Amino acid sequence: MHNNFQERIIAILRRSPNGLTSNEIAELVGLTANNTSSRLSKLAAYGIIDKVRHSRGPRASVYRALPDLSPDFHPGMDRADVQHRHSDASSNSR
C-alpha cells in the first residue's frame, strides 16, 4: 500500500507539467497534507521528483515529476540504482 500512494503521486505529477503543491497532491491522492509532505520529501530525496519554490502563495513549493529514468524504475529505487542496472545491462550486452 505504501508504494501504491507513491506510484499515484508520481502518476499525478507526470500528468501535471506545471507541478502541484503538496496540498493539491494531498487532495488528489486522498491523504492528509502532513502524510503527503512526508512522501513527497522521500520521493525528492530519491531523485524521482523535484521540489521548486513557487510564487503561488506564502511558502508554497511546487513538486514536479522528473523525466522517466527507465521502464524498470519503481519508487523503492533511487537514481543510482537505476543507473547501476543500466550500466550492468550495457556491459553484459557487449
PDB file of N, CA and C in Angstrom:
ATOM      1  N   MET A   1       0.822  -1.196   0.000  1.00  0.00           N
ATOM      2  CA  MET A   1       0.000   0.000   0.000  1.00  0.00           C
ATOM      3  C   MET A   1       0.858   1.248   0.000  1.00  0.00           C
ATOM      4  N   HIS A   2       1.968   1.217   0.736  1.00  0.00           N
ATOM      5  CA  HIS A   2       2.873   2.363   0.806  1.00  0.00           C
ATOM      6  C   HIS A   2       3.331   2.790  -0.586  1.00  0.00           C
ATOM      7  N   ASN A   3       3.799   1.844  -1.388  1.00  0.00           N
ATOM      8  CA  ASN A   3       4.272   2.168  -2.727  1.00  0.00           C
ATOM      9  C   ASN A   3       3.136   2.589  -3.642  1.00  0.00           C
ATOM     10  N   ASN A   4       1.922   2.099  -3.380  1.00  0.00           N
ATOM     11  CA  ASN A   4       0.789   2.476  -4.193  1.00  0.00           C
ATOM     12  C   ASN A   4       0.559   3.988  -4.137  1.00  0.00           C
ATOM     13  N   PHE A   5       0.653   4.578  -2.946  1.00  0.00           N
ATOM     14  CA  PHE A   5       0.493   6.026  -2.835  1.00  0.00           C
ATOM     15  C   PHE A   5       1.628   6.742  -3.562  1.00  0.00           C
ATOM     16  N   GLN A   6       2.845   6.241  -3.434  1.00  0.00           N
ATOM     17  CA  GLN A   6       3.965   6.860  -4.145  1.00  0.00           C
ATOM     18  C   GLN A   6       3.751   6.782  -5.652  1.00  0.00           C
ATOM     19  N   GLU A   7       3.306   5.646  -6.136  1.00  0.00           N
ATOM     20  CA  GLU A   7       3.043   5.493  -7.568  1.00  0.00           C
ATOM     21  C   GLU A   7       1.940   6.433  -8.022  1.00  0.00           C
ATOM     22  N   ARG A   8       0.905   6.588  -7.203  1.00  0.00           N
ATOM     23  CA  ARG A   8      -0.178   7.513  -7.549  1.00  0.00           C
ATOM     24  C   ARG A   8       0.325   8.951  -7.580  1.00  0.00           C
ATOM     25  N   ILE A   9       1.164   9.318  -6.618  1.00  0.00           N
ATOM     26  CA  ILE A   9       1.721  10.672  -6.589  1.00  0.00           C
ATOM     27  C   ILE A   9       2.554  10.923  -7.846  1.00  0.00           C
ATOM     28  N   ILE A  10       3.393   9.979  -8.198  1.00  0.00           N
ATOM     29  CA  ILE A  10       4.235  10.122  -9.395  1.00  0.00           C
ATOM     30  C   ILE A  10       3.354  10.247 -10.637  1.00  0.00           C
ATOM     31  N   ALA A  11       2.327   9.413 -10.752  1.00  0.00           N
ATOM     32  CA  ALA A  11       1.428   9.466 -11.912  1.00  0.00           C
ATOM     33  C   ALA A  11       0.726  10.821 -12.003  1.00  0.00           C
ATOM     34  N   ILE A  12       0.274  11.336 -10.863  1.00  0.00           N
ATOM     35  CA  ILE A  12      -0.386  12.648 -10.838  1.00  0.00           C
ATOM     36  C   ILE A  12       0.575  13.734 -11.293  1.00  0.00           C
ATOM     37  N   LEU A  13       1.811  13.690 -10.796  1.00  0.00           N
ATOM     38  CA  LEU A  13       2.787  14.717 -11.172  1.00  0.00           C
ATOM     39  C   LEU A  13       3.178  14.612 -12.638  1.00  0.00           C
ATOM     40  N   ARG A  14       3.228  13.418 -13.182  1.00  0.00           N
ATOM     41  CA  ARG A  14       3.552  13.259 -14.608  1.00  0.00           C
ATOM     42  C   ARG A  14       2.467  13.864 -15.486  1.00  0.00           C
ATOM     43  N   ARG A  15       1.229  13.893 -14.993  1.00  0.00           N
ATOM     44  CA  ARG A  15       0.134  14.500 -15.750  1.00  0.00           C
ATOM     45  C   ARG A  15       0.014  16.001 -15.496  1.00  0.00           C
ATOM     46  N   SER A  16       0.889  16.545 -14.659  1.00  0.00           N
ATOM     47  CA  SER A  16       0.825  17.960 -14.279  1.00  0.00           C
ATOM     48  C   SER A  16       2.161  18.631 -14.575  1.00  0.00           C
ATOM     49  N   PRO A  17       2.427  18.974 -15.834  1.00  0.00           N
ATOM     50  CA  PRO A  17       3.742  19.512 -16.200  1.00  0.00           C
ATOM     51  C   PRO A  17       4.127  20.797 -15.481  1.00  0.00           C
ATOM     52  N   ASN A  18       3.151  21.566 -15.001  1.00  0.00           N
ATOM     53  CA  ASN A  18       3.450  22.801 -14.270  1.00  0.00           C
ATOM     54  C   ASN A  18       3.681  22.543 -12.792  1.00  0.00           C
ATOM     55  N   GLY A  19       3.488  21.294 -12.370  1.00  0.00           N
ATOM     56  CA  GLY A  19       3.691  20.932 -10.973  1.00  0.00           C
ATOM     57  C   GLY A  19       2.479  21.228 -10.122  1.00  0.00           C
ATOM     58  N   LEU A  20       2.508  20.716  -8.910  1.00  0.00           N
ATOM     59  CA  LEU A  20       1.425  20.890  -7.952  1.00  0.00           C
ATOM     60  C   LEU A  20       2.011  21.120  -6.562  1.00  0.00           C
ATOM     61  N   THR A  21       1.250  21.787  -5.714  1.00  0.00           N
ATOM     62  CA  THR A  21       1.674  21.955  -4.325  1.00  0.00           C
ATOM     63  C   THR A  21       1.344  20.679  -3.548  1.00  0.00           C
ATOM     64  N   SER A  22       1.913  20.546  -2.367  1.00  0.00           N
ATOM     65  CA  SER A  22       1.629  19.356  -1.554  1.00  0.00           C
ATOM     66  C   SER A  22       0.152  19.289  -1.188  1.00  0.00           C
ATOM     67  N   ASN A  23      -0.485  20.426  -0.959  1.00  0.00           N
ATOM     68  CA  ASN A  23      -1.924  20.433  -0.637  1.00  0.00           C
ATOM     69  C   ASN A  23      -2.757  19.944  -1.818  1.00  0.00           C
ATOM     70  N   GLU A  24      -2.391  20.367  -3.028  1.00  0.00           N
ATOM     71  CA  GLU A  24      -3.113  19.910  -4.219  1.00  0.00           C
ATOM     72  C   GLU A  24      -2.943  18.400  -4.412  1.00  0.00           C
ATOM     73  N   ILE A  25      -1.724  17.930  -4.203  1.00  0.00           N
ATOM     74  CA  ILE A  25      -1.449  16.493  -4.340  1.00  0.00           C
ATOM     75  C   ILE A  25      -2.211  15.717  -3.272  1.00  0.00           C
ATOM     76  N   ALA A  26      -2.201  16.209  -2.030  1.00  0.00           N
ATOM     77  CA  ALA A  26      -2.914  15.546  -0.933  1.00  0.00           C
ATOM     78  C   ALA A  26      -4.392  15.391  -1.269  1.00  0.00           C
ATOM     79  N   GLU A  27      -4.972  16.433  -1.806  1.00  0.00           N
ATOM     80  CA  GLU A  27      -6.397  16.395  -2.159  1.00  0.00           C
ATOM     81  C   GLU A  27      -6.660  15.347  -3.248  1.00  0.00           C
ATOM     82  N   LEU A  28      -5.789  15.293  -4.247  1.00  0.00           N
ATOM     83  CA  LEU A  28      -5.967  14.342  -5.348  1.00  0.00           C
ATOM     84  C   LEU A  28      -5.735  12.890  -4.924  1.00  0.00           C
ATOM     85  N   VAL A  29      -4.811  12.673  -3.994  1.00  0.00           N
ATOM     86  CA  VAL A  29      -4.463  11.319  -3.562  1.00  0.00           C
ATOM     87  C   VAL A  29      -5.364  10.855  -2.418  1.00  0.00           C
ATOM     88  N   GLY A  30      -5.901  11.796  -1.662  1.00  0.00           N
ATOM     89  CA  GLY A  30      -6.759  11.439  -0.546  1.00  0.00           C
ATOM     90  C   GLY A  30      -5.994  11.179   0.737  1.00  0.00           C
ATOM     91  N   LEU A  31      -4.867  11.842   0.898  1.00  0.00           N
ATOM     92  CA  LEU A  31      -4.070  11.743   2.118  1.00  0.00           C
ATOM     93  C   LEU A  31      -4.102  13.083   2.845  1.00  0.00           C
ATOM     94  N   THR A  32      -3.667  13.069   4.101  1.00  0.00           N
ATOM     95  CA  THR A  32      -3.531  14.336   4.825  1.00  0.00           C
ATOM     96  C   THR A  32      -2.342  15.103   4.243  1.00  0.00           C
ATOM     97  N   ALA A  33      -2.323  16.394   4.467  1.00  0.00           N
ATOM     98  CA  ALA A  33      -1.214  17.224   3.969  1.00  0.00           C
ATOM     99  C   ALA A  33       0.114  16.779   4.580  1.00  0.00           C
ATOM    100  N   ASN A  34       0.125  16.451   5.886  1.00  0.00           N
ATOM    101  CA  ASN A  34       1.369  16.022   6.542  1.00  0.00           C
ATOM    102  C   ASN A  34       1.876  14.703   5.976  1.00  0.00           C
ATOM    103  N   ASN A  35       0.975  13.750   5.775  1.00  0.00           N
ATOM    104  CA  ASN A  35       1.362  12.453   5.231  1.00  0.00           C
ATOM    105  C   ASN A  35       1.894  12.616   3.812  1.00  0.00           C
ATOM    106  N   THR A  36       1.245  13.452   3.032  1.00  0.00           N
ATOM    107  CA  THR A  36       1.676  13.700   1.653  1.00  0.00           C
ATOM    108  C   THR A  36       3.041  14.371   1.639  1.00  0.00           C
ATOM    109  N   SER A  37       3.250  15.357   2.497  1.00  0.00           N
ATOM    110  CA  SER A  37       4.542  16.053   2.546  1.00  0.00           C
ATOM    111  C   SER A  37       5.677  15.088   2.865  1.00  0.00           C
ATOM    112  N   SER A  38       5.428  14.163   3.766  1.00  0.00           N
ATOM    113  CA  SER A  38       6.437  13.164   4.112  1.00  0.00           C
ATOM    114  C   SER A  38       6.792  12.302   2.904  1.00  0.00           C
ATOM    115  N   ARG A  39       5.786  11.856   2.181  1.00  0.00           N
ATOM    116  CA  ARG A  39       6.023  11.025   0.989  1.00  0.00           C
ATOM    117  C   ARG A  39       6.727  11.827  -0.108  1.00  0.00           C
ATOM    118  N   LEU A  40       6.340  13.096  -0.262  1.00  0.00           N
ATOM    119  CA  LEU A  40       6.986  13.944  -1.259  1.00  0.00           C
ATOM    120  C   LEU A  40       8.457  14.155  -0.934  1.00  0.00           C
ATOM    121  N   SER A  41       8.758  14.344   0.341  1.00  0.00           N
ATOM    122  CA  SER A  41      10.155  14.514   0.748  1.00  0.00           C
ATOM    123  C   SER A  41      10.987  13.288   0.404  1.00  0.00           C
ATOM    124  N   LYS A  42      10.425  12.103   0.631  1.00  0.00           N
ATOM    125  CA  LYS A  42      11.134  10.862   0.297  1.00  0.00           C
ATOM    126  C   LYS A  42      11.344  10.733  -1.206  1.00  0.00           C
ATOM    127  N   LEU A  43      10.304  11.028  -1.984  1.00  0.00           N
ATOM    128  CA  LEU A  43      10.431  10.938  -3.444  1.00  0.00           C
ATOM    129  C   LEU A  43      11.460  11.937  -3.966  1.00  0.00           C
ATOM    130  N   ALA A  44      11.504  13.121  -3.370  1.00  0.00           N
ATOM    131  CA  ALA A  44      12.502  14.127  -3.765  1.00  0.00           C
ATOM    132  C   ALA A  44      13.898  13.653  -3.383  1.00  0.00           C
ATOM    133  N   ALA A  45      14.030  13.036  -2.214  1.00  0.00           N
ATOM    134  CA  ALA A  45      15.332  12.519  -1.776  1.00  0.00           C
ATOM    135  C   ALA A  45      15.816  11.401  -2.694  1.00  0.00           C
ATOM    136  N   TYR A  46      14.881  10.590  -3.210  1.00  0.00           N
ATOM    137  CA  TYR A  46      15.235   9.516  -4.157  1.00  0.00           C
ATOM    138  C   TYR A  46      15.618  10.079  -5.522  1.00  0.00           C
ATOM    139  N   GLY A  47      15.292  11.359  -5.777  1.00  0.00           N
ATOM    140  CA  GLY A  47      15.582  11.949  -7.081  1.00  0.00           C
ATOM    141  C   GLY A  47      14.515  11.636  -8.111  1.00  0.00           C
ATOM    142  N   ILE A  48      13.322  11.290  -7.648  1.00  0.00           N
ATOM    143  CA  ILE A  48      12.228  10.942  -8.555  1.00  0.00           C
ATOM    144  C   ILE A  48      11.422  12.179  -8.932  1.00  0.00           C
ATOM    145  N   ILE A  49      11.284  13.091  -7.969  1.00  0.00           N
ATOM    146  CA  ILE A  49      10.552  14.335  -8.215  1.00  0.00           C
ATOM    147  C   ILE A  49      11.437  15.502  -7.817  1.00  0.00           C
ATOM    148  N   ASP A  50      11.029  16.681  -8.239  1.00  0.00           N
ATOM    149  CA  ASP A  50      11.776  17.895  -7.951  1.00  0.00           C
ATOM    150  C   ASP A  50      10.882  18.838  -7.155  1.00  0.00           C
ATOM    151  N   LYS A  51      11.459  19.520  -6.183  1.00  0.00           N
ATOM    152  CA  LYS A  51      10.740  20.495  -5.365  1.00  0.00           C
ATOM    153  C   LYS A  51      11.264  21.876  -5.724  1.00  0.00           C
ATOM    154  N   VAL A  52      10.344  22.758  -6.137  1.00  0.00           N
ATOM    155  CA  VAL A  52      10.722  24.102  -6.574  1.00  0.00           C
ATOM    156  C   VAL A  52       9.895  25.124  -5.820  1.00  0.00           C
ATOM    157  N   ARG A  53      10.563  26.151  -5.298  1.00  0.00           N
ATOM    158  CA  ARG A  53       9.827  27.248  -4.662  1.00  0.00           C
ATOM    159  C   ARG A  53       9.039  27.971  -5.743  1.00  0.00           C
ATOM    160  N   HIS A  54       7.835  28.364  -5.410  1.00  0.00           N
ATOM    161  CA  HIS A  54       6.966  28.991  -6.399  1.00  0.00           C
ATOM    162  C   HIS A  54       6.207  30.132  -5.749  1.00  0.00           C
ATOM    163  N   SER A  55       5.696  31.008  -6.545  1.00  0.00           N
ATOM    164  CA  SER A  55       5.018  32.189  -6.010  1.00  0.00           C
ATOM    165  C   SER A  55       3.505  32.011  -5.900  1.00  0.00           C
ATOM    166  N   ARG A  56       3.026  30.776  -5.806  1.00  0.00           N
ATOM    167  CA  ARG A  56       1.575  30.553  -5.679  1.00  0.00           C
ATOM    168  C   ARG A  56       1.028  31.050  -4.352  1.00  0.00           C
ATOM    169  N   GLY A  57       1.877  31.211  -3.405  1.00  0.00           N
ATOM    170  CA  GLY A  57       1.415  31.664  -2.102  1.00  0.00           C
ATOM    171  C   GLY A  57       2.576  31.685  -1.146  1.00  0.00           C
ATOM    172  N   PRO A  58       2.321  32.119   0.067  1.00  0.00           N
ATOM    173  CA  PRO A  58       3.401  32.169   1.046  1.00  0.00           C
ATOM    174  C   PRO A  58       3.966  30.776   1.322  1.00  0.00           C
ATOM    175  N   ARG A  59       5.250  30.654   1.136  1.00  0.00           N
ATOM    176  CA  ARG A  59       5.988  29.435   1.444  1.00  0.00           C
ATOM    177  C   ARG A  59       5.502  28.210   0.671  1.00  0.00           C
ATOM    178  N   ALA A  60       4.925  28.429  -0.499  1.00  0.00           N
ATOM    179  CA  ALA A  60       4.434  27.303  -1.298  1.00  0.00           C
ATOM    180  C   ALA A  60       5.569  26.734  -2.146  1.00  0.00           C
ATOM    181  N   SER A  61       5.650  25.439  -2.151  1.00  0.00           N
ATOM    182  CA  SER A  61       6.589  24.742  -3.021  1.00  0.00           C
ATOM    183  C   SER A  61       5.778  23.963  -4.033  1.00  0.00           C
ATOM    184  N   VAL A  62       6.329  23.844  -5.212  1.00  0.00           N
ATOM    185  CA  VAL A  62       5.677  23.085  -6.270  1.00  0.00           C
ATOM    186  C   VAL A  62       6.532  21.858  -6.533  1.00  0.00           C
ATOM    187  N   TYR A  63       5.873  20.732  -6.661  1.00  0.00           N
ATOM    188  CA  TYR A  63       6.554  19.468  -6.949  1.00  0.00           C
ATOM    189  C   TYR A  63       6.295  19.086  -8.391  1.00  0.00           C
ATOM    190  N   ARG A  64       7.347  18.590  -9.048  1.00  0.00           N
ATOM    191  CA  ARG A  64       7.252  18.149 -10.442  1.00  0.00           C
ATOM    192  C   ARG A  64       7.917  16.795 -10.578  1.00  0.00           C
ATOM    193  N   ALA A  65       7.358  15.961 -11.443  1.00  0.00           N
ATOM    194  CA  ALA A  65       7.994  14.677 -11.735  1.00  0.00           C
ATOM    195  C   ALA A  65       9.190  14.932 -12.635  1.00  0.00           C
ATOM    196  N   LEU A  66      10.276  14.267 -12.357  1.00  0.00           N
ATOM    197  CA  LEU A  66      11.440  14.338 -13.230  1.00  0.00           C
ATOM    198  C   LEU A  66      11.239  13.359 -14.376  1.00  0.00           C
ATOM    199  N   PRO A  67      11.963  13.532 -15.483  1.00  0.00           N
ATOM    200  CA  PRO A  67      11.778  12.629 -16.625  1.00  0.00           C
ATOM    201  C   PRO A  67      11.983  11.174 -16.218  1.00  0.00           C
ATOM    202  N   ASP A  68      11.246  10.301 -16.901  1.00  0.00           N
ATOM    203  CA  ASP A  68      11.381   8.865 -16.642  1.00  0.00           C
ATOM    204  C   ASP A  68      12.826   8.441 -16.778  1.00  0.00           C
ATOM    205  N   LEU A  69      13.235   7.579 -15.864  1.00  0.00           N
ATOM    206  CA  LEU A  69      14.587   7.053 -15.897  1.00  0.00           C
ATOM    207  C   LEU A  69      14.649   5.770 -16.696  1.00  0.00           C
ATOM    208  N   SER A  70      13.622   4.955 -16.565  1.00  0.00           N
ATOM    209  CA  SER A  70      13.687   3.621 -17.122  1.00  0.00           C
ATOM    210  C   SER A  70      12.350   2.939 -16.918  1.00  0.00           C
ATOM    211  N   PRO A  71      12.011   2.005 -17.777  1.00  0.00           N
ATOM    212  CA  PRO A  71      10.793   1.241 -17.532  1.00  0.00           C
ATOM    213  C   PRO A  71      10.940   0.332 -16.308  1.00  0.00           C
ATOM    214  N   ASP A  72      12.184   0.083 -15.862  1.00  0.00           N
ATOM    215  CA  ASP A  72      12.435  -0.774 -14.700  1.00  0.00           C
ATOM    216  C   ASP A  72      12.295  -0.027 -13.390  1.00  0.00           C
ATOM    217  N   PHE A  73      12.119   1.295 -13.442  1.00  0.00           N
ATOM    218  CA  PHE A  73      12.125   2.108 -12.238  1.00  0.00           C
ATOM    219  C   PHE A  73      10.864   1.881 -11.419  1.00  0.00           C
ATOM    220  N   HIS A  74      11.022   1.859 -10.106  1.00  0.00           N
ATOM    221  CA  HIS A  74       9.887   1.868  -9.195  1.00  0.00           C
ATOM    222  C   HIS A  74      10.263   2.719  -7.981  1.00  0.00           C
ATOM    223  N   PRO A  75       9.262   3.202  -7.212  1.00  0.00           N
ATOM    224  CA  PRO A  75       9.522   4.157  -6.138  1.00  0.00           C
ATOM    225  C   PRO A  75      10.501   3.715  -5.063  1.00  0.00           C
ATOM    226  N   GLY A  76      10.743   2.442  -4.893  1.00  0.00           N
ATOM    227  CA  GLY A  76      11.695   1.992  -3.884  1.00  0.00           C
ATOM    228  C   GLY A  76      13.138   2.136  -4.316  1.00  0.00           C
ATOM    229  N   MET A  77      13.362   2.521  -5.569  1.00  0.00           N
ATOM    230  CA  MET A  77      14.717   2.659  -6.111  1.00  0.00           C
ATOM    231  C   MET A  77      15.097   4.130  -6.145  1.00  0.00           C
ATOM    232  N   ASP A  78      16.388   4.397  -6.179  1.00  0.00           N
ATOM    233  CA  ASP A  78      16.817   5.768  -6.409  1.00  0.00           C
ATOM    234  C   ASP A  78      17.562   5.810  -7.749  1.00  0.00           C
ATOM    235  N   ARG A  79      17.951   6.998  -8.155  1.00  0.00           N
ATOM    236  CA  ARG A  79      18.597   7.159  -9.463  1.00  0.00           C
ATOM    237  C   ARG A  79      19.863   6.318  -9.584  1.00  0.00           C
ATOM    238  N   ALA A  80      20.618   6.182  -8.524  1.00  0.00           N
ATOM    239  CA  ALA A  80      21.857   5.399  -8.580  1.00  0.00           C
ATOM    240  C   ALA A  80      21.548   3.931  -8.864  1.00  0.00           C
ATOM    241  N   ASP A  81      20.475   3.399  -8.271  1.00  0.00           N
ATOM    242  CA  ASP A  81      20.080   2.009  -8.540  1.00  0.00           C
ATOM    243  C   ASP A  81      19.790   1.798 -10.018  1.00  0.00           C
ATOM    244  N   VAL A  82      19.040   2.719 -10.590  1.00  0.00           N
ATOM    245  CA  VAL A  82      18.656   2.597 -11.994  1.00  0.00           C
ATOM    246  C   VAL A  82      19.878   2.727 -12.891  1.00  0.00           C
ATOM    247  N   GLN A  83      20.731   3.714 -12.610  1.00  0.00           N
ATOM    248  CA  GLN A  83      21.922   3.903 -13.427  1.00  0.00           C
ATOM    249  C   GLN A  83      22.834   2.688 -13.330  1.00  0.00           C
ATOM    250  N   HIS A  84      22.946   2.091 -12.147  1.00  0.00           N
ATOM    251  CA  HIS A  84      23.772   0.901 -11.964  1.00  0.00           C
ATOM    252  C   HIS A  84      23.206  -0.266 -12.767  1.00  0.00           C
ATOM    253  N   ARG A  85      21.898  -0.457 -12.729  1.00  0.00           N
ATOM    254  CA  ARG A  85      21.259  -1.521 -13.506  1.00  0.00           C
ATOM    255  C   ARG A  85      21.537  -1.372 -14.992  1.00  0.00           C
ATOM    256  N   HIS A  86      21.441  -0.119 -15.482  1.00  0.00           N
ATOM    257  CA  HIS A  86      21.651   0.109 -16.912  1.00  0.00           C
ATOM    258  C   HIS A  86      23.109  -0.066 -17.305  1.00  0.00           C
ATOM    259  N   SER A  87      24.033   0.304 -16.439  1.00  0.00           N
ATOM    260  CA  SER A  87      25.448   0.106 -16.773  1.00  0.00           C
ATOM    261  C   SER A  87      25.780  -1.376 -16.771  1.00  0.00           C
ATOM    262  N   ASP A  88      25.163  -2.155 -15.858  1.00  0.00           N
ATOM    263  CA  ASP A  88      25.359  -3.609 -15.854  1.00  0.00           C
ATOM    264  C   ASP A  88      24.793  -4.231 -17.126  1.00  0.00           C
ATOM    265  N   ALA A  89      23.624  -3.779 -17.530  1.00  0.00           N
ATOM    266  CA  ALA A  89      22.991  -4.320 -18.750  1.00  0.00           C
ATOM    267  C   ALA A  89      23.827  -3.986 -19.980  1.00  0.00           C
ATOM    268  N   SER A  90      24.388  -2.785 -20.028  1.00  0.00           N
ATOM    269  CA  SER A  90      25.228  -2.384 -21.163  1.00  0.00           C
ATOM    270  C   SER A  90      26.491  -3.231 -21.225  1.00  0.00           C
ATOM    271  N   SER A  91      27.076  -3.497 -20.072  1.00  0.00           N
ATOM    272  CA  SER A  91      28.302  -4.305 -20.015  1.00  0.00           C
ATOM    273  C   SER A  91      28.034  -5.731 -20.462  1.00  0.00           C
ATOM    274  N   ASN A  92      26.888  -6.266 -20.091  1.00  0.00           N
ATOM    275  CA  ASN A  92      26.547  -7.641 -20.435  1.00  0.00           C
ATOM    276  C   ASN A  92      26.182  -7.816 -21.894  1.00  0.00           C
ATOM    277  N   SER A  93      25.768  -6.753 -22.557  1.00  0.00           N
ATOM    278  CA  SER A  93      25.353  -6.853 -23.957  1.00  0.00           C
ATOM    279  C   SER A  93      26.514  -6.700 -24.922  1.00  0.00           C
ATOM    280  N   ARG A  94      27.681  -6.404 -24.430  1.00  0.00           N
ATOM    281  CA  ARG A  94      28.843  -6.199 -25.310  1.00  0.00           C
ATOM    282  C   ARG A  94      29.511  -7.487 -25.651  1.00  0.00           C
TER     283      ARG A  94
END
